Structures are given as structure tokens and as C-alpha cells.
Amino acid sequence: MQNEEIISKINQLLVEEIEIDEVKISPAADLKKDLEIDSLDFVDLFVIIERNFGVKMKAEEMADIKTLQDFYDYIIKRVHSN
């Protein structure tokens, strides 16, 4: 899977599953402040990412992930390491 496909799929999942307004989605968007993803959304997001990409995430791994670009980079790295 190419990086662009991964990013596109993540964006699609954020809109459809987490109900993020599409206009808010940009690489620089802060996950908590701009996208308003709360702790319950993160739990849902972990399940959605595992189901769609086969990547298991842990809450402690999210500590350094602040922006959507950080999230993209993390998922891309994990997908390509599998």
C-alpha cells in the first residue's frame, strides 16, 4: 500500500467512523484541539486502524503523536514494517 493510499484511507475513516468534519482535516491539524478527538474517540480509532491496516496501537504510543501528520507517519511506518 502506497503512502498516499494510507493517508487517503485514514482521512476517509476519520470522516466516516469518527465523524470529523472533512474541512478540518489537514496534516497540521492537532488531533485534540483541531479535530476534537477525545479519549473515547482514540479507543475507537485504535480499533478502526487495527481492523483496516492490521496495526495494533497502544495508548502510550500516542504520547508523541500530536498532529494528523504525526499520526500519518506513525501508521505508514507501522504498515510498512509489517
N, C-alpha and C. Protein backbone atom coordinates (compact mmCIF):
# COMPACT_ATOMS: atom_id res chain seq x y z
N MET A 1 0.85 -1.18 0.00
CA MET A 1 0.00 0.00 0.00
C MET A 1 0.90 1.25 0.00
N GLN A 2 0.60 2.14 -0.90
CA GLN A 2 1.37 3.38 -1.02
C GLN A 2 0.98 4.37 0.08
N ASN A 3 1.91 5.27 0.39
CA ASN A 3 1.68 6.27 1.44
C ASN A 3 0.42 7.10 1.18
N GLU A 4 0.22 7.50 -0.08
CA GLU A 4 -0.94 8.32 -0.43
C GLU A 4 -2.24 7.55 -0.17
N GLU A 5 -2.23 6.25 -0.44
CA GLU A 5 -3.41 5.42 -0.19
C GLU A 5 -3.70 5.32 1.30
N ILE A 6 -2.66 5.18 2.09
CA ILE A 6 -2.81 5.09 3.55
C ILE A 6 -3.40 6.39 4.08
N ILE A 7 -2.86 7.52 3.66
CA ILE A 7 -3.36 8.83 4.10
C ILE A 7 -4.81 9.02 3.69
N SER A 8 -5.13 8.69 2.46
CA SER A 8 -6.49 8.82 1.97
C SER A 8 -7.45 7.95 2.78
N LYS A 9 -7.05 6.73 3.08
CA LYS A 9 -7.89 5.81 3.85
C LYS A 9 -8.08 6.33 5.28
N ILE A 10 -7.01 6.85 5.90
CA ILE A 10 -7.11 7.41 7.25
C ILE A 10 -8.11 8.57 7.24
N ASN A 11 -7.98 9.46 6.27
CA ASN A 11 -8.90 10.60 6.18
C ASN A 11 -10.34 10.13 6.03
N GLN A 12 -10.55 9.15 5.17
CA GLN A 12 -11.89 8.60 4.95
C GLN A 12 -12.45 8.01 6.25
N LEU A 13 -11.62 7.29 6.99
CA LEU A 13 -12.06 6.68 8.25
C LEU A 13 -12.39 7.75 9.29
N LEU A 14 -11.59 8.81 9.33
CA LEU A 14 -11.86 9.90 10.27
C LEU A 14 -13.22 10.55 10.00
N VAL A 15 -13.53 10.73 8.73
CA VAL A 15 -14.80 11.35 8.34
C VAL A 15 -15.97 10.40 8.61
N GLU A 16 -15.84 9.16 8.16
CA GLU A 16 -16.96 8.22 8.22
C GLU A 16 -17.16 7.59 9.60
N GLU A 17 -16.07 7.23 10.27
CA GLU A 17 -16.18 6.48 11.52
C GLU A 17 -16.14 7.37 12.77
N ILE A 18 -15.30 8.40 12.75
CA ILE A 18 -15.14 9.27 13.91
C ILE A 18 -15.98 10.54 13.75
N GLU A 19 -16.51 10.73 12.55
CA GLU A 19 -17.39 11.86 12.22
C GLU A 19 -16.70 13.22 12.35
N ILE A 20 -15.46 13.26 11.84
CA ILE A 20 -14.71 14.51 11.79
C ILE A 20 -15.15 15.27 10.54
N ASP A 21 -15.37 16.56 10.67
CA ASP A 21 -15.73 17.39 9.52
C ASP A 21 -14.55 17.41 8.55
N GLU A 22 -14.82 17.06 7.31
CA GLU A 22 -13.78 16.93 6.29
C GLU A 22 -12.95 18.21 6.11
N VAL A 23 -13.56 19.36 6.31
CA VAL A 23 -12.83 20.62 6.12
C VAL A 23 -11.77 20.83 7.20
N LYS A 24 -11.89 20.13 8.33
CA LYS A 24 -10.91 20.26 9.40
C LYS A 24 -9.67 19.39 9.18
N ILE A 25 -9.75 18.46 8.26
CA ILE A 25 -8.66 17.51 8.06
C ILE A 25 -7.55 18.13 7.23
N SER A 26 -6.38 18.26 7.89
CA SER A 26 -5.17 18.71 7.22
C SER A 26 -3.99 18.14 8.00
N PRO A 27 -2.85 17.95 7.35
CA PRO A 27 -1.71 17.36 8.05
C PRO A 27 -1.31 18.11 9.32
N ALA A 28 -1.49 19.42 9.35
CA ALA A 28 -1.08 20.23 10.50
C ALA A 28 -2.12 20.24 11.62
N ALA A 29 -3.28 19.66 11.40
CA ALA A 29 -4.35 19.68 12.39
C ALA A 29 -3.94 18.95 13.66
N ASP A 30 -4.15 19.60 14.80
CA ASP A 30 -3.90 18.98 16.09
C ASP A 30 -5.06 18.01 16.37
N LEU A 31 -4.71 16.78 16.74
CA LEU A 31 -5.73 15.76 16.92
C LEU A 31 -6.76 16.13 17.99
N LYS A 32 -6.29 16.69 19.10
CA LYS A 32 -7.20 17.01 20.19
C LYS A 32 -7.85 18.38 20.02
N LYS A 33 -7.06 19.39 19.70
CA LYS A 33 -7.59 20.76 19.64
C LYS A 33 -8.40 21.01 18.37
N ASP A 34 -7.83 20.68 17.23
CA ASP A 34 -8.48 20.99 15.95
C ASP A 34 -9.54 19.96 15.54
N LEU A 35 -9.20 18.68 15.73
CA LEU A 35 -10.13 17.63 15.31
C LEU A 35 -11.04 17.18 16.44
N GLU A 36 -10.76 17.68 17.64
CA GLU A 36 -11.59 17.39 18.81
C GLU A 36 -11.75 15.90 19.07
N ILE A 37 -10.66 15.15 18.89
CA ILE A 37 -10.67 13.72 19.18
C ILE A 37 -10.41 13.56 20.67
N ASP A 38 -11.38 12.95 21.37
CA ASP A 38 -11.23 12.74 22.80
C ASP A 38 -10.79 11.30 23.09
N SER A 39 -10.69 10.96 24.36
CA SER A 39 -10.17 9.64 24.73
C SER A 39 -11.04 8.50 24.19
N LEU A 40 -12.35 8.68 24.19
CA LEU A 40 -13.23 7.63 23.64
C LEU A 40 -13.04 7.49 22.13
N ASP A 41 -12.85 8.63 21.44
CA ASP A 41 -12.59 8.58 20.01
C ASP A 41 -11.28 7.85 19.72
N PHE A 42 -10.27 8.07 20.58
CA PHE A 42 -8.99 7.39 20.38
C PHE A 42 -9.15 5.88 20.49
N VAL A 43 -9.96 5.42 21.44
CA VAL A 43 -10.21 3.98 21.57
C VAL A 43 -10.85 3.46 20.29
N ASP A 44 -11.85 4.17 19.80
CA ASP A 44 -12.49 3.77 18.54
C ASP A 44 -11.49 3.78 17.40
N LEU A 45 -10.65 4.80 17.38
CA LEU A 45 -9.65 4.93 16.32
C LEU A 45 -8.67 3.76 16.33
N PHE A 46 -8.26 3.33 17.51
CA PHE A 46 -7.35 2.18 17.63
C PHE A 46 -7.97 0.94 17.00
N VAL A 47 -9.25 0.71 17.29
CA VAL A 47 -9.95 -0.45 16.74
C VAL A 47 -10.08 -0.33 15.23
N ILE A 48 -10.43 0.85 14.76
CA ILE A 48 -10.61 1.08 13.32
C ILE A 48 -9.29 0.88 12.57
N ILE A 49 -8.20 1.40 13.12
CA ILE A 49 -6.89 1.26 12.48
C ILE A 49 -6.46 -0.21 12.44
N GLU A 50 -6.68 -0.91 13.53
CA GLU A 50 -6.31 -2.33 13.55
C GLU A 50 -7.12 -3.12 12.52
N ARG A 51 -8.41 -2.83 12.45
CA ARG A 51 -9.30 -3.54 11.51
C ARG A 51 -8.92 -3.25 10.06
N ASN A 52 -8.55 -2.02 9.76
CA ASN A 52 -8.29 -1.63 8.37
C ASN A 52 -6.84 -1.80 7.92
N PHE A 53 -5.90 -1.70 8.86
CA PHE A 53 -4.49 -1.76 8.49
C PHE A 53 -3.73 -2.90 9.15
N GLY A 54 -4.34 -3.60 10.09
CA GLY A 54 -3.66 -4.68 10.79
C GLY A 54 -2.59 -4.18 11.75
N VAL A 55 -2.70 -2.92 12.17
CA VAL A 55 -1.73 -2.31 13.06
C VAL A 55 -2.35 -2.19 14.45
N LYS A 56 -1.72 -2.84 15.43
CA LYS A 56 -2.20 -2.72 16.81
C LYS A 56 -1.54 -1.51 17.44
N MET A 57 -2.36 -0.66 18.04
CA MET A 57 -1.86 0.56 18.67
C MET A 57 -2.08 0.48 20.17
N LYS A 58 -1.21 1.15 20.90
CA LYS A 58 -1.34 1.24 22.35
C LYS A 58 -1.39 2.71 22.73
N ALA A 59 -2.12 3.01 23.79
CA ALA A 59 -2.29 4.39 24.23
C ALA A 59 -0.96 5.10 24.46
N GLU A 60 0.00 4.40 25.06
CA GLU A 60 1.29 5.04 25.35
C GLU A 60 2.05 5.42 24.07
N GLU A 61 1.76 4.75 22.98
CA GLU A 61 2.41 5.09 21.71
C GLU A 61 1.89 6.42 21.15
N MET A 62 0.74 6.85 21.62
CA MET A 62 0.14 8.08 21.12
C MET A 62 0.70 9.33 21.80
N ALA A 63 1.52 9.16 22.83
CA ALA A 63 2.03 10.29 23.61
C ALA A 63 2.73 11.33 22.75
N ASP A 64 3.50 10.89 21.77
CA ASP A 64 4.25 11.82 20.92
C ASP A 64 3.50 12.23 19.66
N ILE A 65 2.32 11.71 19.47
CA ILE A 65 1.54 12.00 18.27
C ILE A 65 0.58 13.14 18.58
N LYS A 66 0.88 14.30 18.02
CA LYS A 66 0.08 15.50 18.29
C LYS A 66 -0.76 15.92 17.09
N THR A 67 -0.17 15.85 15.90
CA THR A 67 -0.85 16.32 14.70
C THR A 67 -1.28 15.14 13.82
N LEU A 68 -2.12 15.44 12.87
CA LEU A 68 -2.54 14.42 11.93
C LEU A 68 -1.35 13.90 11.12
N GLN A 69 -0.39 14.77 10.81
CA GLN A 69 0.81 14.32 10.09
C GLN A 69 1.59 13.32 10.94
N ASP A 70 1.71 13.57 12.24
CA ASP A 70 2.37 12.61 13.13
C ASP A 70 1.66 11.26 13.07
N PHE A 71 0.33 11.31 13.05
CA PHE A 71 -0.47 10.09 13.00
C PHE A 71 -0.25 9.35 11.68
N TYR A 72 -0.29 10.11 10.57
CA TYR A 72 0.00 9.50 9.26
C TYR A 72 1.36 8.79 9.29
N ASP A 73 2.38 9.52 9.75
CA ASP A 73 3.74 8.98 9.76
C ASP A 73 3.82 7.70 10.59
N TYR A 74 3.17 7.70 11.74
CA TYR A 74 3.17 6.53 12.61
C TYR A 74 2.53 5.33 11.92
N ILE A 75 1.35 5.53 11.34
CA ILE A 75 0.65 4.43 10.67
C ILE A 75 1.43 3.94 9.45
N ILE A 76 1.95 4.86 8.66
CA ILE A 76 2.74 4.48 7.47
C ILE A 76 3.94 3.63 7.89
N LYS A 77 4.63 4.06 8.91
CA LYS A 77 5.80 3.33 9.40
C LYS A 77 5.41 1.92 9.85
N ARG A 78 4.31 1.83 10.60
CA ARG A 78 3.86 0.53 11.11
C ARG A 78 3.36 -0.37 9.97
N VAL A 79 2.67 0.19 9.00
CA VAL A 79 2.16 -0.62 7.88
C VAL A 79 3.33 -1.19 7.09
N HIS A 80 4.34 -0.36 6.84
CA HIS A 80 5.48 -0.82 6.04
C HIS A 80 6.42 -1.75 6.81
N SER A 81 6.32 -1.77 8.14
CA SER A 81 7.18 -2.67 8.92
C SER A 81 6.55 -4.05 9.08
N ASN A 82 5.27 -4.19 8.72
CA ASN A 82 4.59 -5.50 8.83
C ASN A 82 4.89 -6.38 7.65
